[in-house]
Amino acid sequence: MKVIYEDNHIIAVNKACGEVVQSDKTGDATVMDTVKAYLKEKYNKPGNVYLGLPHRLDRPTSGILILAKTSKVLPRLNKLFQTRGEVKKVYWAVVDKRPPKYEDTLEHYLVKNQEQNRSYAYTEPGEGTKLARLTYRHVASIERYHLLEIELHTGRHHQIRVQLKQLGLHIKGDLKYGFPRSNTDKGIHLHARKVELMHPVKNEILTIIADPPNDPVWNEFINLFHAGRFSPVQPV
């Protein structure tokens, strides 16, 4: 975890793969605990430190997590994240095959299986389903893998992972949704790259960007990005 933005109202961190955001049955240390300890030490705060959680990231996913530093700001952030179109969220996903199109918008109806901690996607609405919508662009390829830039239009459980699976695409390391091998860090190559929203206090657009983890595959793609070599990749 690394702090990438902070003001009097908000703190944003770049979460590492495998870090759990809040307490679960594993009892592992959480991002929330780590950030509270950071704030307590930095500002020499006595007693408990307030920290609010307006959104979440799956444990194996890396990238931007925004937290509220005051109880006044949390409900405003909650409203932004819960209102469609108020927060622009862009992810990078490394997949094992070329997508059928350079760019496309996917719509499915998802249902979450609580016991399996897994979602299933359908083409038609049904009992308990929720509409899931995203737009992907195929922006780069290396020898074995392909990078998709994804804008989420809804925020459903495991949405990107299960919607890409419907195209026959599997995120590197994601055993749960069909990739054959796990990553050594038990994470997956899905990264919350960019978040853009209206600052709930300053009333100005706040844009936060986070680099992906340091590993050979991500490094190849980030080098292409910095070299200006992200471009439309047409299917073979």
C-alpha atoms as a PDB file:
ATOM      1  CA  MET A   1       0.000   0.000   0.000  1.00  0.00           C
ATOM      2  CA  LYS A   2       1.224   3.479  -0.915  1.00  0.00           C
ATOM      3  CA  VAL A   3      -0.412   6.870  -0.271  1.00  0.00           C
ATOM      4  CA  ILE A   4      -0.861   8.620  -3.632  1.00  0.00           C
ATOM      5  CA  TYR A   5      -3.138  11.562  -2.702  1.00  0.00           C
ATOM      6  CA  GLU A   6      -4.087  13.275   0.528  1.00  0.00           C
ATOM      7  CA  ASP A   7      -5.811  16.472   1.629  1.00  0.00           C
ATOM      8  CA  ASN A   8      -7.790  17.473   4.712  1.00  0.00           C
ATOM      9  CA  HIS A   9     -10.830  15.460   3.605  1.00  0.00           C
ATOM     10  CA  ILE A  10      -9.689  12.496   1.483  1.00  0.00           C
ATOM     11  CA  ILE A  11      -6.826  10.034   1.361  1.00  0.00           C
ATOM     12  CA  ALA A  12      -6.206   7.733  -1.612  1.00  0.00           C
ATOM     13  CA  VAL A  13      -3.880   4.741  -1.611  1.00  0.00           C
ATOM     14  CA  ASN A  14      -2.534   2.396  -4.269  1.00  0.00           C
ATOM     15  CA  LYS A  15      -3.572  -0.971  -2.837  1.00  0.00           C
ATOM     16  CA  ALA A  16      -1.302  -3.936  -3.477  1.00  0.00           C
ATOM     17  CA  CYS A  17      -2.530  -7.333  -4.706  1.00  0.00           C
ATOM     18  CA  GLY A  18      -3.564  -9.570  -1.817  1.00  0.00           C
ATOM     19  CA  GLU A  19      -4.246  -6.785   0.666  1.00  0.00           C
ATOM     20  CA  VAL A  20      -7.693  -7.024   2.220  1.00  0.00           C
ATOM     21  CA  VAL A  21      -9.516  -3.699   2.526  1.00  0.00           C
ATOM     22  CA  GLN A  22     -11.510  -4.430   5.680  1.00  0.00           C
ATOM     23  CA  SER A  23     -11.722  -7.251   8.213  1.00  0.00           C
ATOM     24  CA  ASP A  24     -12.782 -10.661   6.956  1.00  0.00           C
ATOM     25  CA  LYS A  25     -12.747 -14.259   8.233  1.00  0.00           C
ATOM     26  CA  THR A  26      -8.982 -14.534   7.639  1.00  0.00           C
ATOM     27  CA  GLY A  27      -8.232 -12.014  10.361  1.00  0.00           C
ATOM     28  CA  ASP A  28      -5.410 -10.588   8.237  1.00  0.00           C
ATOM     29  CA  ALA A  29      -4.251  -7.002   8.681  1.00  0.00           C
ATOM     30  CA  THR A  30      -6.353  -4.610   6.592  1.00  0.00           C
ATOM     31  CA  VAL A  31      -5.731  -1.538   4.472  1.00  0.00           C
ATOM     32  CA  MET A  32      -8.072   0.360   6.791  1.00  0.00           C
ATOM     33  CA  ASP A  33      -5.905  -0.536   9.803  1.00  0.00           C
ATOM     34  CA  THR A  34      -2.710   0.427   7.976  1.00  0.00           C
ATOM     35  CA  VAL A  35      -4.054   3.814   6.871  1.00  0.00           C
ATOM     36  CA  LYS A  36      -5.366   4.569  10.361  1.00  0.00           C
ATOM     37  CA  ALA A  37      -1.927   3.808  11.782  1.00  0.00           C
ATOM     38  CA  TYR A  38      -0.331   6.035   9.138  1.00  0.00           C
ATOM     39  CA  LEU A  39      -2.654   8.954   9.987  1.00  0.00           C
ATOM     40  CA  LYS A  40      -2.213   8.460  13.728  1.00  0.00           C
ATOM     41  CA  GLU A  41       1.566   8.623  13.417  1.00  0.00           C
ATOM     42  CA  LYS A  42       1.725  11.418  10.808  1.00  0.00           C
ATOM     43  CA  TYR A  43      -0.553  13.779  12.721  1.00  0.00           C
ATOM     44  CA  ASN A  44       0.276  12.517  16.237  1.00  0.00           C
ATOM     45  CA  LYS A  45      -3.411  11.870  16.875  1.00  0.00           C
ATOM     46  CA  PRO A  46      -4.506  10.689  20.332  1.00  0.00           C
ATOM     47  CA  GLY A  47      -7.172   7.991  20.569  1.00  0.00           C
ATOM     48  CA  ASN A  48      -8.970   6.455  17.631  1.00  0.00           C
ATOM     49  CA  VAL A  49      -8.554   7.750  14.078  1.00  0.00           C
ATOM     50  CA  TYR A  50     -11.665   8.184  11.920  1.00  0.00           C
ATOM     51  CA  LEU A  51     -11.613   6.616   8.454  1.00  0.00           C
ATOM     52  CA  GLY A  52     -14.597   6.016   6.182  1.00  0.00           C
ATOM     53  CA  LEU A  53     -14.870   3.541   3.302  1.00  0.00           C
ATOM     54  CA  PRO A  54     -17.085   4.711   0.394  1.00  0.00           C
ATOM     55  CA  HIS A  55     -16.103   1.922  -2.028  1.00  0.00           C
ATOM     56  CA  ARG A  56     -14.086  -1.306  -2.140  1.00  0.00           C
ATOM     57  CA  LEU A  57     -11.580  -3.314  -4.170  1.00  0.00           C
ATOM     58  CA  ASP A  58     -11.448  -7.095  -4.324  1.00  0.00           C
ATOM     59  CA  ARG A  59      -8.557  -8.592  -2.372  1.00  0.00           C
ATOM     60  CA  PRO A  60      -6.627  -9.863  -5.454  1.00  0.00           C
ATOM     61  CA  THR A  61      -7.090  -6.547  -7.302  1.00  0.00           C
ATOM     62  CA  SER A  62      -4.592  -3.683  -7.068  1.00  0.00           C
ATOM     63  CA  GLY A  63      -5.035   0.046  -7.507  1.00  0.00           C
ATOM     64  CA  ILE A  64      -6.813   3.135  -6.261  1.00  0.00           C
ATOM     65  CA  LEU A  65      -8.805   3.038  -3.042  1.00  0.00           C
ATOM     66  CA  ILE A  66     -10.306   6.340  -1.842  1.00  0.00           C
ATOM     67  CA  LEU A  67     -11.064   6.829   1.860  1.00  0.00           C
ATOM     68  CA  ALA A  68     -12.801   9.578   3.834  1.00  0.00           C
ATOM     69  CA  LYS A  69     -10.834  11.276   6.611  1.00  0.00           C
ATOM     70  CA  THR A  70     -13.915  12.863   8.237  1.00  0.00           C
ATOM     71  CA  SER A  71     -17.460  11.764   9.058  1.00  0.00           C
ATOM     72  CA  LYS A  72     -18.697  14.875   7.218  1.00  0.00           C
ATOM     73  CA  VAL A  73     -17.162  13.796   3.917  1.00  0.00           C
ATOM     74  CA  LEU A  74     -18.093  10.092   3.995  1.00  0.00           C
ATOM     75  CA  PRO A  75     -21.827  10.474   3.160  1.00  0.00           C
ATOM     76  CA  ARG A  76     -20.933  12.830   0.297  1.00  0.00           C
ATOM     77  CA  LEU A  77     -18.466  10.289  -1.103  1.00  0.00           C
ATOM     78  CA  ASN A  78     -20.996   7.491  -0.583  1.00  0.00           C
ATOM     79  CA  LYS A  79     -23.517   9.405  -2.667  1.00  0.00           C
ATOM     80  CA  LEU A  80     -20.982  10.044  -5.444  1.00  0.00           C
ATOM     81  CA  PHE A  81     -19.968   6.380  -5.673  1.00  0.00           C
ATOM     82  CA  GLN A  82     -23.582   5.197  -5.549  1.00  0.00           C
ATOM     83  CA  THR A  83     -24.829   7.574  -8.275  1.00  0.00           C
ATOM     84  CA  ARG A  84     -24.190   6.282 -11.763  1.00  0.00           C
ATOM     85  CA  GLY A  85     -21.994   8.582 -13.807  1.00  0.00           C
ATOM     86  CA  GLU A  86     -20.662  10.654 -10.911  1.00  0.00           C
ATOM     87  CA  VAL A  87     -17.374   8.749 -10.576  1.00  0.00           C
ATOM     88  CA  LYS A  88     -15.344   7.709 -13.610  1.00  0.00           C
ATOM     89  CA  LYS A  89     -13.427   4.492 -12.901  1.00  0.00           C
ATOM     90  CA  VAL A  90     -10.853   3.135 -15.347  1.00  0.00           C
ATOM     91  CA  TYR A  91      -9.205  -0.251 -14.894  1.00  0.00           C
ATOM     92  CA  TRP A  92      -6.393  -2.047 -16.676  1.00  0.00           C
ATOM     93  CA  ALA A  93      -6.768  -5.788 -17.198  1.00  0.00           C
ATOM     94  CA  VAL A  94      -4.173  -8.192 -18.617  1.00  0.00           C
ATOM     95  CA  VAL A  95      -5.914 -11.033 -20.461  1.00  0.00           C
ATOM     96  CA  ASP A  96      -4.798 -14.207 -22.211  1.00  0.00           C
ATOM     97  CA  LYS A  97      -6.449 -13.691 -25.619  1.00  0.00           C
ATOM     98  CA  ARG A  98      -7.224 -10.909 -28.050  1.00  0.00           C
ATOM     99  CA  PRO A  99     -10.775  -9.608 -27.635  1.00  0.00           C
ATOM    100  CA  PRO A 100     -13.097  -9.968 -30.634  1.00  0.00           C
ATOM    101  CA  LYS A 101     -13.149  -6.180 -31.196  1.00  0.00           C
ATOM    102  CA  TYR A 102     -10.784  -3.282 -30.569  1.00  0.00           C
ATOM    103  CA  GLU A 103     -13.507  -1.543 -28.556  1.00  0.00           C
ATOM    104  CA  ASP A 104     -16.910  -2.648 -27.339  1.00  0.00           C
ATOM    105  CA  THR A 105     -19.516  -2.070 -24.644  1.00  0.00           C
ATOM    106  CA  LEU A 106     -20.633  -5.180 -22.775  1.00  0.00           C
ATOM    107  CA  GLU A 107     -23.985  -5.558 -21.042  1.00  0.00           C
ATOM    108  CA  HIS A 108     -24.905  -8.551 -18.915  1.00  0.00           C
ATOM    109  CA  TYR A 109     -27.168  -9.352 -16.027  1.00  0.00           C
ATOM    110  CA  LEU A 110     -25.212 -10.567 -13.017  1.00  0.00           C
ATOM    111  CA  VAL A 111     -26.242 -12.571 -10.004  1.00  0.00           C
ATOM    112  CA  LYS A 112     -23.974 -13.091  -7.003  1.00  0.00           C
ATOM    113  CA  ASN A 113     -23.654 -16.465  -5.288  1.00  0.00           C
ATOM    114  CA  GLN A 114     -22.868 -15.491  -1.712  1.00  0.00           C
ATOM    115  CA  GLU A 115     -21.658 -18.945  -0.623  1.00  0.00           C
ATOM    116  CA  GLN A 116     -19.225 -19.262  -3.535  1.00  0.00           C
ATOM    117  CA  ASN A 117     -18.235 -15.570  -3.478  1.00  0.00           C
ATOM    118  CA  ARG A 118     -18.698 -15.647  -7.229  1.00  0.00           C
ATOM    119  CA  SER A 119     -20.897 -13.916  -9.809  1.00  0.00           C
ATOM    120  CA  TYR A 120     -22.584 -15.370 -12.883  1.00  0.00           C
ATOM    121  CA  ALA A 121     -23.497 -13.448 -16.033  1.00  0.00           C
ATOM    122  CA  TYR A 122     -26.576 -13.826 -18.246  1.00  0.00           C
ATOM    123  CA  THR A 123     -27.700 -12.135 -21.431  1.00  0.00           C
ATOM    124  CA  GLU A 124     -31.271 -11.641 -20.184  1.00  0.00           C
ATOM    125  CA  PRO A 125     -32.565 -10.315 -16.859  1.00  0.00           C
ATOM    126  CA  GLY A 126     -33.793 -12.833 -14.324  1.00  0.00           C
ATOM    127  CA  GLU A 127     -34.614 -13.227 -10.657  1.00  0.00           C
ATOM    128  CA  GLY A 128     -32.021 -11.493  -8.515  1.00  0.00           C
ATOM    129  CA  THR A 129     -29.939 -10.212 -11.440  1.00  0.00           C
ATOM    130  CA  LYS A 130     -28.481  -6.718 -11.745  1.00  0.00           C
ATOM    131  CA  LEU A 131     -27.484  -4.917 -14.941  1.00  0.00           C
ATOM    132  CA  ALA A 132     -23.715  -4.724 -15.472  1.00  0.00           C
ATOM    133  CA  ARG A 133     -22.209  -2.479 -18.133  1.00  0.00           C
ATOM    134  CA  LEU A 134     -18.623  -1.677 -19.123  1.00  0.00           C
ATOM    135  CA  THR A 135     -16.662  -0.438 -22.136  1.00  0.00           C
ATOM    136  CA  TYR A 136     -13.291  -1.935 -23.021  1.00  0.00           C
ATOM    137  CA  ARG A 137     -10.526  -0.862 -25.420  1.00  0.00           C
ATOM    138  CA  HIS A 138      -7.679  -3.135 -26.482  1.00  0.00           C
ATOM    139  CA  VAL A 139      -4.691  -0.795 -26.155  1.00  0.00           C
ATOM    140  CA  ALA A 140      -1.540  -2.947 -26.227  1.00  0.00           C
ATOM    141  CA  SER A 141      -0.190  -6.455 -26.734  1.00  0.00           C
ATOM    142  CA  ILE A 142       3.004  -8.272 -25.831  1.00  0.00           C
ATOM    143  CA  GLU A 143       4.067 -11.800 -26.717  1.00  0.00           C
ATOM    144  CA  ARG A 144       1.597 -13.745 -24.558  1.00  0.00           C
ATOM    145  CA  TYR A 145      -0.761 -11.165 -23.109  1.00  0.00           C
ATOM    146  CA  HIS A 146      -3.061  -8.313 -24.080  1.00  0.00           C
ATOM    147  CA  LEU A 147      -3.968  -5.171 -22.147  1.00  0.00           C
ATOM    148  CA  LEU A 148      -7.521  -3.848 -21.976  1.00  0.00           C
ATOM    149  CA  GLU A 149      -8.449  -0.399 -20.681  1.00  0.00           C
ATOM    150  CA  ILE A 150     -11.892  -0.662 -19.120  1.00  0.00           C
ATOM    151  CA  GLU A 151     -14.362   1.998 -18.041  1.00  0.00           C
ATOM    152  CA  LEU A 152     -16.973   0.778 -15.595  1.00  0.00           C
ATOM    153  CA  HIS A 153     -20.497   2.132 -16.018  1.00  0.00           C
ATOM    154  CA  THR A 154     -21.860   0.076 -13.109  1.00  0.00           C
ATOM    155  CA  GLY A 155     -20.187  -1.352 -10.032  1.00  0.00           C
ATOM    156  CA  ARG A 156     -21.171  -4.988  -9.555  1.00  0.00           C
ATOM    157  CA  HIS A 157     -19.523  -7.836  -7.663  1.00  0.00           C
ATOM    158  CA  HIS A 158     -16.573  -9.201  -9.712  1.00  0.00           C
ATOM    159  CA  GLN A 159     -18.043  -7.385 -12.712  1.00  0.00           C
ATOM    160  CA  ILE A 160     -14.969  -7.049 -14.927  1.00  0.00           C
ATOM    161  CA  ARG A 161     -13.802 -10.585 -14.193  1.00  0.00           C
ATOM    162  CA  VAL A 162     -17.096 -12.263 -15.036  1.00  0.00           C
ATOM    163  CA  GLN A 163     -17.995 -10.066 -18.022  1.00  0.00           C
ATOM    164  CA  LEU A 164     -14.636 -10.674 -19.706  1.00  0.00           C
ATOM    165  CA  LYS A 165     -15.095 -14.401 -19.087  1.00  0.00           C
ATOM    166  CA  GLN A 166     -18.215 -14.227 -21.276  1.00  0.00           C
ATOM    167  CA  LEU A 167     -15.925 -13.210 -24.162  1.00  0.00           C
ATOM    168  CA  GLY A 168     -13.595 -16.132 -23.456  1.00  0.00           C
ATOM    169  CA  LEU A 169     -11.027 -13.764 -21.933  1.00  0.00           C
ATOM    170  CA  HIS A 170      -9.364 -14.604 -18.622  1.00  0.00           C
ATOM    171  CA  ILE A 171      -7.454 -12.162 -16.437  1.00  0.00           C
ATOM    172  CA  LYS A 172      -3.915 -13.339 -15.690  1.00  0.00           C
ATOM    173  CA  GLY A 173      -3.859 -15.161 -12.345  1.00  0.00           C
ATOM    174  CA  ASP A 174      -7.644 -15.301 -11.930  1.00  0.00           C
ATOM    175  CA  LEU A 175      -8.255 -18.977 -11.172  1.00  0.00           C
ATOM    176  CA  LYS A 176     -11.823 -18.311 -10.041  1.00  0.00           C
ATOM    177  CA  TYR A 177     -12.853 -17.134 -13.515  1.00  0.00           C
ATOM    178  CA  GLY A 178     -10.886 -19.501 -15.689  1.00  0.00           C
ATOM    179  CA  PHE A 179      -7.193 -18.583 -15.890  1.00  0.00           C
ATOM    180  CA  PRO A 180      -5.224 -21.843 -15.542  1.00  0.00           C
ATOM    181  CA  ARG A 181      -2.486 -20.657 -13.148  1.00  0.00           C
ATOM    182  CA  SER A 182      -2.315 -18.431 -10.093  1.00  0.00           C
ATOM    183  CA  ASN A 183       0.164 -15.571  -9.780  1.00  0.00           C
ATOM    184  CA  THR A 184       2.938 -16.010  -7.246  1.00  0.00           C
ATOM    185  CA  ASP A 185       1.557 -13.139  -5.130  1.00  0.00           C
ATOM    186  CA  LYS A 186      -1.977 -14.671  -5.261  1.00  0.00           C
ATOM    187  CA  GLY A 187      -3.208 -11.477  -6.908  1.00  0.00           C
ATOM    188  CA  ILE A 188      -4.642 -11.011 -10.390  1.00  0.00           C
ATOM    189  CA  HIS A 189      -3.639  -8.638 -13.184  1.00  0.00           C
ATOM    190  CA  LEU A 190      -6.589  -6.300 -12.675  1.00  0.00           C
ATOM    191  CA  HIS A 191      -5.671  -2.776 -11.612  1.00  0.00           C
ATOM    192  CA  ALA A 192      -7.781   0.253 -10.696  1.00  0.00           C
ATOM    193  CA  ARG A 193      -5.785   2.730 -12.793  1.00  0.00           C
ATOM    194  CA  LYS A 194      -7.737   6.002 -12.670  1.00  0.00           C
ATOM    195  CA  VAL A 195     -10.544   7.589 -10.660  1.00  0.00           C
ATOM    196  CA  GLU A 196     -12.103  10.932 -11.542  1.00  0.00           C
ATOM    197  CA  LEU A 197     -14.781  12.645  -9.452  1.00  0.00           C
ATOM    198  CA  MET A 198     -15.990  16.003  -8.223  1.00  0.00           C
ATOM    199  CA  HIS A 199     -14.227  16.711  -4.929  1.00  0.00           C
ATOM    200  CA  PRO A 200     -16.979  16.632  -2.272  1.00  0.00           C
ATOM    201  CA  VAL A 201     -15.677  19.762  -0.500  1.00  0.00           C
ATOM    202  CA  LYS A 202     -13.583  21.742  -3.002  1.00  0.00           C
ATOM    203  CA  ASN A 203     -16.117  21.333  -5.845  1.00  0.00           C
ATOM    204  CA  GLU A 204     -13.407  20.782  -8.438  1.00  0.00           C
ATOM    205  CA  ILE A 205     -12.574  17.746 -10.528  1.00  0.00           C
ATOM    206  CA  LEU A 206     -10.157  15.414  -8.753  1.00  0.00           C
ATOM    207  CA  THR A 207      -8.218  12.958 -10.921  1.00  0.00           C
ATOM    208  CA  ILE A 208      -6.125  10.237  -9.292  1.00  0.00           C
ATOM    209  CA  ILE A 209      -3.874   7.828 -11.230  1.00  0.00           C
ATOM    210  CA  ALA A 210      -1.991   4.822  -9.866  1.00  0.00           C
ATOM    211  CA  ASP A 211       0.713   2.758 -11.544  1.00  0.00           C
ATOM    212  CA  PRO A 212       0.286  -1.040 -11.576  1.00  0.00           C
ATOM    213  CA  PRO A 213       2.418  -3.354  -9.422  1.00  0.00           C
ATOM    214  CA  ASN A 214       6.091  -3.925 -10.157  1.00  0.00           C
ATOM    215  CA  ASP A 215       6.217  -7.252 -12.007  1.00  0.00           C
ATOM    216  CA  PRO A 216       7.577  -8.304 -15.425  1.00  0.00           C
ATOM    217  CA  VAL A 217       4.253  -8.318 -17.293  1.00  0.00           C
ATOM    218  CA  TRP A 218       2.968  -5.046 -15.853  1.00  0.00           C
ATOM    219  CA  ASN A 219       6.380  -3.480 -16.431  1.00  0.00           C
ATOM    220  CA  GLU A 220       6.288  -4.322 -20.146  1.00  0.00           C
ATOM    221  CA  PHE A 221       2.916  -2.632 -20.507  1.00  0.00           C
ATOM    222  CA  ILE A 222       3.805   0.436 -18.448  1.00  0.00           C
ATOM    223  CA  ASN A 223       6.947   0.861 -20.564  1.00  0.00           C
ATOM    224  CA  LEU A 224       4.783   0.803 -23.710  1.00  0.00           C
ATOM    225  CA  PHE A 225       2.462   3.360 -22.101  1.00  0.00           C
ATOM    226  CA  HIS A 226       5.297   5.742 -21.203  1.00  0.00           C
ATOM    227  CA  ALA A 227       6.710   5.344 -24.724  1.00  0.00           C
ATOM    228  CA  GLY A 228       3.370   6.499 -26.166  1.00  0.00           C
ATOM    229  CA  ARG A 229       2.705   3.125 -27.751  1.00  0.00           C
ATOM    230  CA  PHE A 230      -0.822   2.509 -26.502  1.00  0.00           C
ATOM    231  CA  SER A 231      -2.940   2.468 -29.641  1.00  0.00           C
ATOM    232  CA  PRO A 232      -5.909   0.688 -31.215  1.00  0.00           C
ATOM    233  CA  VAL A 233      -5.128  -3.023 -31.589  1.00  0.00           C
ATOM    234  CA  GLN A 234      -7.229  -4.637 -34.273  1.00  0.00           C
ATOM    235  CA  PRO A 235      -8.153  -8.335 -33.980  1.00  0.00           C
ATOM    236  CA  VAL A 236      -6.049 -10.670 -36.108  1.00  0.00           C
END
